[in-house]
Protein backbone atom coordinates (compact mmCIF):
# COMPACT_ATOMS: atom_id res chain seq x y z
CA MET A 1 -33.00 12.02 40.09
CA THR A 2 -33.17 15.46 41.72
CA THR A 3 -35.42 15.66 44.76
CA LYS A 4 -38.12 18.27 44.28
CA ILE A 5 -38.92 20.78 47.01
CA PRO A 6 -42.49 20.65 48.45
CA ALA A 7 -44.87 22.64 46.26
CA ASN A 8 -45.98 25.09 48.94
CA LEU A 9 -42.36 25.97 49.80
CA VAL A 10 -41.56 26.49 46.11
CA TYR A 11 -44.59 28.78 45.85
CA TYR A 12 -43.37 30.87 48.79
CA ILE A 13 -39.87 31.11 47.29
CA TYR A 14 -41.35 32.07 43.92
CA THR A 15 -43.74 34.74 45.26
CA GLY A 16 -41.08 36.21 47.54
CA ALA A 17 -38.37 36.23 44.88
CA THR A 18 -40.54 37.74 42.13
CA ALA A 19 -41.87 40.43 44.49
CA LEU A 20 -38.32 41.36 45.55
CA LEU A 21 -37.01 41.40 41.97
CA PHE A 22 -39.92 43.48 40.66
CA SER A 23 -39.32 46.03 43.45
CA LEU A 24 -35.61 45.99 42.64
CA MET A 25 -36.51 47.00 39.07
CA PHE A 26 -39.43 49.37 39.55
CA THR A 27 -37.99 51.49 42.37
CA VAL A 28 -35.40 52.93 39.98
CA SER A 29 -36.92 52.41 36.51
CA GLY A 30 -38.83 55.71 36.53
CA ILE A 31 -35.74 57.70 37.59
CA TYR A 32 -33.68 55.87 34.95
CA ARG A 33 -36.11 56.78 32.17
CA ILE A 34 -36.42 60.41 33.30
CA GLU A 35 -32.84 61.29 34.26
CA LEU A 36 -30.61 58.96 32.22
CA ALA A 37 -32.72 58.19 29.14
CA ASN A 38 -34.22 61.73 29.17
CA LEU A 39 -37.64 60.55 27.98
CA THR A 40 -40.28 63.20 27.39
CA ALA A 41 -43.59 63.09 29.27
CA LEU A 42 -45.31 61.61 26.21
CA GLN A 43 -42.60 58.97 25.84
CA LEU A 44 -42.93 58.04 29.53
CA VAL A 45 -46.64 57.38 29.06
CA LEU A 46 -46.11 55.53 25.76
CA VAL A 47 -43.75 53.17 27.62
CA GLY A 48 -46.69 52.18 29.83
CA THR A 49 -49.09 52.02 26.89
CA VAL A 50 -46.85 49.55 25.06
CA LEU A 51 -46.61 47.43 28.22
CA GLU A 52 -50.39 47.38 28.67
CA GLY A 53 -50.94 46.71 24.97
CA SER A 54 -48.53 43.79 25.04
CA CYS A 55 -50.23 42.29 28.11
CA PHE A 56 -53.66 42.73 26.52
CA LEU A 57 -52.56 41.27 23.19
CA PHE A 58 -50.84 38.16 24.55
CA GLU A 59 -52.87 37.39 27.71
CA ILE A 60 -55.12 34.84 26.02
CA PRO A 61 -52.76 33.04 23.58
CA THR A 62 -49.99 32.60 26.18
CA GLY A 63 -52.60 31.09 28.49
CA VAL A 64 -52.68 28.15 26.07
CA VAL A 65 -49.16 27.16 27.16
CA ALA A 66 -50.23 26.93 30.82
CA ASP A 67 -53.50 25.12 30.09
CA VAL A 68 -52.47 22.76 27.29
CA TYR A 69 -48.75 22.10 27.76
CA SER A 70 -47.45 22.86 31.26
CA ARG A 71 -47.92 25.41 34.06
CA LYS A 72 -44.26 25.01 34.98
CA ARG A 73 -43.07 25.52 31.42
CA SER A 74 -45.16 28.66 31.12
CA ILE A 75 -43.64 30.09 34.32
CA LEU A 76 -40.07 29.28 33.22
CA ILE A 77 -40.58 30.92 29.81
CA GLY A 78 -42.10 34.01 31.42
CA LEU A 79 -39.26 34.46 33.92
CA ILE A 80 -36.58 34.19 31.21
CA ILE A 81 -38.32 36.71 28.92
CA ILE A 82 -38.88 39.17 31.79
CA GLY A 83 -35.24 38.81 32.86
CA GLY A 84 -34.04 39.49 29.33
CA ALA A 85 -36.34 42.52 29.03
CA PHE A 86 -35.03 44.06 32.26
CA ILE A 87 -31.39 43.50 31.23
CA LEU A 88 -32.12 45.09 27.83
CA GLU A 89 -33.71 48.20 29.34
CA GLY A 90 -30.99 48.66 31.94
CA SER A 91 -28.21 48.26 29.37
CA PHE A 92 -29.34 50.72 26.68
CA ARG A 93 -30.66 54.23 27.39
CA PHE A 94 -32.65 54.72 24.20
CA PHE A 95 -36.39 55.21 23.83
CA GLU A 96 -36.54 52.49 21.17
CA THR A 97 -34.82 49.85 23.32
CA ILE A 98 -36.92 50.80 26.35
CA ILE A 99 -40.09 50.39 24.27
CA LEU A 100 -38.87 47.00 23.01
CA ALA A 101 -38.06 45.97 26.59
CA GLN A 102 -41.57 46.94 27.72
CA PHE A 103 -43.12 44.93 24.89
CA LEU A 104 -41.04 41.89 25.90
CA TRP A 105 -41.73 42.37 29.61
CA GLY A 106 -45.48 42.50 28.95
CA PHE A 107 -45.21 39.42 26.73
CA GLY A 108 -43.23 37.57 29.39
CA TYR A 109 -45.58 38.56 32.19
CA THR A 110 -48.55 37.00 30.39
CA PHE A 111 -46.83 33.60 30.70
CA LEU A 112 -46.85 34.06 34.50
CA SER A 113 -50.34 35.55 34.77
CA GLY A 114 -52.62 32.88 36.21
CA ALA A 115 -50.11 30.06 35.61
CA ASP A 116 -48.49 30.43 39.04
CA ASP A 117 -51.78 30.35 40.96
CA ALA A 118 -53.07 27.51 38.78
CA TRP A 119 -49.85 25.54 39.35
CA ILE A 120 -50.03 25.62 43.16
CA ALA A 121 -53.77 24.85 43.07
CA ASP A 122 -53.04 21.75 40.95
CA GLU A 123 -50.15 20.59 43.13
CA ILE A 124 -51.95 20.79 46.48
CA LYS A 125 -55.31 19.78 44.94
CA GLY A 126 -57.06 22.79 46.46
CA LYS A 127 -56.22 21.91 50.09
CA ASN A 128 -55.54 24.94 52.33
CA LEU A 129 -55.35 27.07 49.18
CA ASN A 130 -56.58 30.30 50.79
CA GLU A 131 -54.06 29.90 53.61
CA ILE A 132 -51.22 29.41 51.10
CA TYR A 133 -52.32 32.40 48.99
CA LEU A 134 -52.51 34.59 52.11
CA LYS A 135 -49.09 33.51 53.38
CA GLY A 136 -47.66 33.99 49.88
CA ALA A 137 -49.10 37.53 49.76
CA GLN A 138 -47.58 38.35 53.16
CA ILE A 139 -44.17 37.03 52.05
CA ALA A 140 -44.48 39.08 48.85
CA GLN A 141 -45.22 42.27 50.82
CA PHE A 142 -42.17 41.76 53.05
CA CYS A 143 -39.90 40.93 50.10
CA SER A 144 -41.20 43.93 48.12
CA PHE A 145 -40.17 46.17 51.01
CA ILE A 146 -36.70 44.59 51.09
CA GLY A 147 -36.49 45.02 47.31
CA ILE A 148 -37.22 48.75 47.59
CA LEU A 149 -34.43 49.21 50.14
CA LEU A 150 -31.91 47.16 48.12
CA SER A 151 -32.82 49.01 44.92
CA ALA A 152 -32.31 52.40 46.56
CA MET A 153 -28.92 51.34 47.96
CA LEU A 154 -27.66 49.85 44.67
CA GLY A 155 -29.12 52.70 42.64
CA TYR A 156 -27.20 55.20 44.75
CA PHE A 157 -24.03 54.08 42.93
CA TYR A 158 -25.41 53.25 39.44
CA ILE A 159 -29.08 53.90 38.75
CA ASN A 160 -29.35 51.07 36.20
CA LEU A 161 -27.54 48.50 38.36
CA PRO A 162 -30.68 47.24 40.18
CA MET A 163 -32.43 46.81 36.82
CA ILE A 164 -29.69 44.64 35.35
CA ILE A 165 -29.27 42.62 38.57
CA SER A 166 -33.04 42.08 38.68
CA GLY A 167 -33.01 40.73 35.12
CA ILE A 168 -30.10 38.38 35.79
CA LEU A 169 -31.73 37.05 38.97
CA PHE A 170 -35.02 36.43 37.13
CA ILE A 171 -33.12 34.12 34.77
CA PHE A 172 -31.39 32.40 37.72
CA LEU A 173 -34.81 31.97 39.38
CA SER A 174 -36.03 30.23 36.22
CA MET A 175 -33.03 27.86 36.35
CA PHE A 176 -33.67 27.15 40.05
CA LEU A 177 -37.35 26.37 39.41
CA LYS A 178 -36.51 24.15 36.44
CA ILE A 179 -34.57 21.89 38.83
CA PHE A 180 -36.64 22.03 42.02
CA MET A 181 -40.21 22.89 40.98
CA PRO A 182 -42.50 19.82 41.00
CA GLU A 183 -45.37 19.35 38.56
CA ARG A 184 -47.42 16.28 39.37
CA GLY A 185 -50.98 17.59 39.51
CA PHE A 186 -51.20 19.12 36.04
CA LYS A 187 -53.72 17.67 33.60
CA PRO A 188 -53.65 19.15 30.08
CA LYS A 189 -56.89 20.68 28.81
CA LYS A 190 -58.21 20.43 25.29
CA ARG A 191 -58.81 23.79 23.65
CA LYS A 192 -61.56 24.39 21.14
CA GLY A 193 -61.24 27.07 18.48
CA ASN A 194 -58.87 29.99 18.14
CA SER A 195 -57.67 31.71 21.34
CA TYR A 196 -58.54 35.18 20.05
CA GLN A 197 -61.98 33.94 18.99
CA ASN A 198 -62.48 32.59 22.51
CA MET A 199 -61.41 35.96 23.94
CA ILE A 200 -63.87 37.83 21.71
CA GLU A 201 -66.66 35.41 22.59
CA THR A 202 -65.92 35.80 26.31
CA PHE A 203 -65.93 39.58 25.89
CA LYS A 204 -69.28 39.50 24.04
CA GLU A 205 -70.75 37.11 26.58
CA GLY A 206 -69.62 39.37 29.41
CA LEU A 207 -71.15 42.45 27.77
CA SER A 208 -74.40 40.51 27.28
CA PHE A 209 -74.60 39.68 31.00
CA ILE A 210 -73.67 43.23 31.97
CA SER A 211 -76.29 44.83 29.69
CA GLU A 212 -79.04 43.08 31.68
CA SER A 213 -78.09 44.81 34.95
CA LYS A 214 -77.98 48.56 35.66
CA ILE A 215 -75.41 48.09 38.42
CA LEU A 216 -73.13 46.00 36.16
CA ILE A 217 -73.32 48.72 33.48
CA VAL A 218 -72.24 51.25 36.11
CA ILE A 219 -69.37 48.93 37.12
CA LEU A 220 -68.27 48.70 33.48
CA PHE A 221 -68.10 52.50 33.11
CA ILE A 222 -66.25 52.80 36.43
CA SER A 223 -63.65 50.27 35.21
CA LEU A 224 -63.25 52.21 31.96
CA ILE A 225 -62.63 55.48 33.84
CA TYR A 226 -60.15 53.77 36.19
CA GLY A 227 -58.20 52.68 33.11
CA LEU A 228 -58.42 56.08 31.39
CA TYR A 229 -56.91 58.04 34.27
CA SER A 230 -54.51 55.57 35.91
CA GLU A 231 -51.89 54.94 33.21
CA GLY A 232 -51.01 58.61 32.79
CA PHE A 233 -50.84 59.26 36.53
CA ASP A 234 -48.77 56.15 37.25
CA ARG A 235 -46.18 57.14 34.62
CA LEU A 236 -45.94 60.84 35.48
CA TRP A 237 -45.90 61.09 39.29
CA GLU A 238 -42.14 60.51 39.47
CA ALA A 239 -41.53 63.05 36.70
CA HIS A 240 -43.55 65.61 38.70
CA PHE A 241 -41.21 65.17 41.67
CA LEU A 242 -38.06 65.24 39.51
CA ARG A 243 -38.88 67.98 37.02
CA ASP A 244 -41.36 70.27 38.79
CA LEU A 245 -40.19 70.11 42.42
CA SER A 246 -36.98 70.20 44.46
CA PHE A 247 -36.02 67.51 46.98
CA PRO A 248 -34.96 68.70 50.46
CA LEU A 249 -31.21 69.06 50.97
CA ILE A 250 -31.09 66.53 53.81
CA LEU A 251 -27.75 64.67 53.98
CA ASN A 252 -27.41 65.35 50.23
CA PHE A 253 -29.70 62.40 49.43
CA LYS A 254 -29.90 61.54 45.74
CA PRO A 255 -33.40 61.22 44.17
CA VAL A 256 -33.09 57.41 44.24
CA ILE A 257 -32.88 57.51 48.05
CA TRP A 258 -35.89 59.82 48.24
CA PHE A 259 -37.93 57.52 46.00
CA GLY A 260 -36.87 54.58 48.16
CA ILE A 261 -38.19 56.44 51.21
CA ILE A 262 -41.41 57.46 49.42
CA ASN A 263 -42.11 53.94 48.12
CA SER A 264 -41.30 52.35 51.49
CA ALA A 265 -43.60 54.75 53.35
CA ALA A 266 -46.38 54.22 50.79
CA MET A 267 -46.10 50.44 51.09
CA ILE A 268 -46.12 50.37 54.91
CA LEU A 269 -49.06 52.79 55.17
CA SER A 270 -51.07 50.96 52.49
CA ILE A 271 -50.54 47.57 54.19
CA ILE A 272 -51.91 49.03 57.44
CA ALA A 273 -54.82 50.68 55.60
CA VAL A 274 -55.77 47.50 53.71
CA GLN A 275 -55.78 45.46 56.93
CA ILE A 276 -58.15 47.99 58.53
CA ILE A 277 -60.37 47.92 55.44
CA LYS A 278 -60.49 44.09 55.43
CA ILE A 279 -61.79 44.11 59.01
CA ARG A 280 -64.30 46.79 58.05
CA LEU A 281 -65.47 44.88 54.95
CA ALA A 282 -66.52 41.87 57.01
CA LYS A 283 -69.12 44.04 58.75
CA THR A 284 -70.53 45.99 55.80
CA GLY A 285 -73.34 45.38 53.33
CA ASN A 286 -73.52 46.46 49.69
CA ILE A 287 -74.83 50.00 50.34
CA GLU A 288 -72.18 50.68 52.98
CA LYS A 289 -69.47 49.51 50.56
CA VAL A 290 -70.69 51.88 47.86
CA TYR A 291 -70.89 54.83 50.28
CA LEU A 292 -67.32 54.02 51.30
CA LEU A 293 -66.30 53.95 47.62
CA VAL A 294 -67.95 57.35 47.09
CA ILE A 295 -65.87 58.88 49.89
CA ILE A 296 -62.62 57.15 48.88
CA ASN A 297 -62.91 58.14 45.22
CA LEU A 298 -63.92 61.72 46.02
CA LEU A 299 -60.87 62.07 48.26
CA THR A 300 -58.70 60.40 45.59
CA VAL A 301 -59.82 62.97 43.01
CA VAL A 302 -59.00 65.79 45.44
CA GLY A 303 -55.66 64.15 46.31
CA ILE A 304 -54.53 63.70 42.68
CA ILE A 305 -55.56 67.22 41.65
CA SER A 306 -53.84 68.64 44.75
CA PHE A 307 -50.71 66.63 43.92
CA GLY A 308 -50.70 68.07 40.40
CA MET A 309 -51.09 71.59 41.80
CA SER A 310 -48.41 71.15 44.47
CA GLY A 311 -45.50 73.55 44.28
CA ASN A 312 -43.35 72.27 47.12
CA PHE A 313 -42.00 68.88 48.16
CA LYS A 314 -43.78 68.53 51.51
CA PHE A 315 -47.26 69.17 50.09
CA ALA A 316 -46.55 66.95 47.07
CA LEU A 317 -45.34 64.12 49.33
CA MET A 318 -48.41 64.37 51.56
CA THR A 319 -50.90 64.45 48.67
CA TYR A 320 -49.13 61.62 46.81
CA LEU A 321 -49.10 59.35 49.86
CA VAL A 322 -52.78 60.09 50.56
CA SER A 323 -53.66 59.34 46.91
CA TYR A 324 -51.61 56.11 46.93
CA ILE A 325 -53.21 54.84 50.15
CA LEU A 326 -56.71 55.69 48.92
CA ARG A 327 -56.13 53.92 45.60
CA THR A 328 -54.75 50.85 47.40
CA THR A 329 -57.72 50.63 49.79
CA ASN A 330 -60.17 51.20 46.93
CA GLN A 331 -59.25 47.97 45.16
CA PRO A 332 -60.39 45.34 47.72
CA ILE A 333 -63.66 47.22 48.35
CA PHE A 334 -64.35 47.57 44.63
CA ARG A 335 -63.63 43.87 44.03
CA ALA A 336 -65.82 42.82 46.96
CA TRP A 337 -68.69 44.99 45.72
CA ILE A 338 -68.41 43.60 42.17
CA ASN A 339 -68.41 40.00 43.41
CA GLN A 340 -71.49 40.59 45.55
CA ASN A 341 -73.35 41.69 42.43
CA LEU A 342 -72.42 38.61 40.40
CA LYS A 343 -73.93 35.15 40.23
CA SER A 344 -71.39 32.36 40.50
CA SER A 345 -72.22 31.10 37.00
CA ILE A 346 -71.20 34.38 35.31
CA ARG A 347 -68.55 35.66 37.73
CA ALA A 348 -65.44 34.66 35.78
CA THR A 349 -66.85 35.92 32.49
CA VAL A 350 -67.89 39.32 33.85
CA LEU A 351 -64.63 39.81 35.79
CA SER A 352 -62.67 39.02 32.63
CA THR A 353 -64.71 41.59 30.70
CA VAL A 354 -64.23 44.22 33.41
CA GLY A 355 -60.47 43.59 33.29
CA GLN A 356 -60.41 43.96 29.51
CA ILE A 357 -62.33 47.25 29.70
CA ASP A 358 -59.86 48.59 32.28
CA ALA A 359 -56.93 47.61 30.05
CA LEU A 360 -58.52 49.26 27.01
CA GLY A 361 -59.03 52.40 29.09
CA GLN A 362 -55.33 52.45 29.99
CA ILE A 363 -54.29 51.95 26.37
CA ALA A 364 -56.60 54.78 25.21
CA GLY A 365 -56.16 57.21 28.11
CA GLY A 366 -52.39 57.04 28.60
CA PRO A 367 -51.36 58.71 25.31
CA ILE A 368 -53.97 61.47 25.73
CA ILE A 369 -52.59 62.41 29.15
CA GLY A 370 -49.06 62.12 27.75
CA ILE A 371 -49.86 64.55 24.91
CA ILE A 372 -51.28 67.04 27.44
CA ALA A 373 -48.09 66.73 29.52
CA SER A 374 -45.90 67.34 26.45
CA ARG A 375 -47.95 70.24 25.09
CA TYR A 376 -48.63 72.00 28.40
CA SER A 377 -46.98 70.59 31.54
CA ILE A 378 -46.76 67.48 33.71
CA SER A 379 -48.69 69.29 36.46
CA ILE A 380 -51.61 70.05 34.13
CA ALA A 381 -51.61 66.44 32.87
CA ILE A 382 -51.84 65.10 36.45
CA ILE A 383 -54.65 67.57 37.25
CA PHE A 384 -56.42 66.40 34.07
CA ALA A 385 -56.00 62.75 35.20
CA GLY A 386 -57.74 63.65 38.47
CA MET A 387 -60.57 65.31 36.54
CA VAL A 388 -60.94 62.22 34.33
CA LEU A 389 -61.43 60.15 37.50
CA SER A 390 -64.09 62.50 38.95
CA PRO A 391 -67.15 61.04 37.10
CA VAL A 392 -66.79 57.79 39.10
CA VAL A 393 -68.13 59.66 42.15
CA ILE A 394 -71.39 60.32 40.26
CA LEU A 395 -71.47 56.72 39.04
CA TYR A 396 -71.10 55.43 42.61
CA LEU A 397 -73.95 57.71 43.73
CA ILE A 398 -76.09 56.18 40.96
CA ALA A 399 -75.05 52.75 42.27
CA VAL A 400 -76.15 53.75 45.80
CA LYS A 401 -79.62 54.50 44.44
CA SER A 402 -79.72 51.15 42.59
CA GLU A 403 -78.62 49.25 45.70
CA LYS A 404 -81.38 50.93 47.73
CA ILE A 405 -83.96 49.91 45.11
CA LYS A 406 -82.66 46.30 45.26
CA GLU A 407 -83.10 46.22 49.04
CA THR A 408 -86.71 47.42 48.82
CA ILE A 409 -87.71 44.79 46.26
């Protein structure tokens, strides 16, 4: 009988390997779609819309595998499907095959979503869980950085090579985990009713809770706006650099090297910024968090619009990095503020609903921004994305007023 590796070590290997392999894929995937597959701006956004739609559609039913059958089995299935999807996209430069690959990648990812965290929680029975999650996140950050560098180096020779290698290694990772991953703490759960019916009921229940609180209604609209603007921006920023701007002629670097530098710089700066924010969060109350969110989101709007208007590489690089860092630091503050406004009994339900609203926003907003990019220009589409985000500043100011009223009661 094969000796299993301790669960915490397997978790670290898994989080590090997946982070590295995702970076290996994503550092070059945008360049591949723009330069080799020659996708239009609308097609670039539709690629993301299909991915989000697939994740949204299969998130609940694939969760049945992890809850009823096996966390480990769910993870293995997900890794194999993701690996196959990445190999498919890297092997064929057609819009149709890229769309199919995105559908499969979203489908595969839903098998991983939640199953990995649930698996380690079961195996260690909740002991030192926060410490393990934190160490896993730190390993993932380091491995993501290594993945960016490896992807840039491999992509220098063949832009699709990192994508295919990533897919192959995902399948090898699944084989490794099949042999060495323990599963002793899992206890199958009985499911009542249809999975989609449960999802709809959870969604309705979440909306019911939210409708009773002005602040939760504001949070819901903020989540919707985040979804509406983000998908278009995330799919078009690389195209803006490649099609609207010129890279500096330093050492004749190819675009893949420049994107490796940009992504590496963005990751390092965002890690530093998030650490500073975490220290700051420990000392702030609800009102201070919302004021901070007002400032961050106002600057993000300015940063995105400025990025869309940029006509030279240096200004575009500066505004993109500022926007990236602001968006990264926004997330932990936003999550902390939401959680402070939720009772423990309704937290999971409301958070699930907020996530679904964000996903629906991405599915709806992405194609609109893509159509604007195709009809007018990528620059105008990015400026429009920044304008779509702007109402959140007003919503946060409304939240400030509500928080002040709460403190006086």
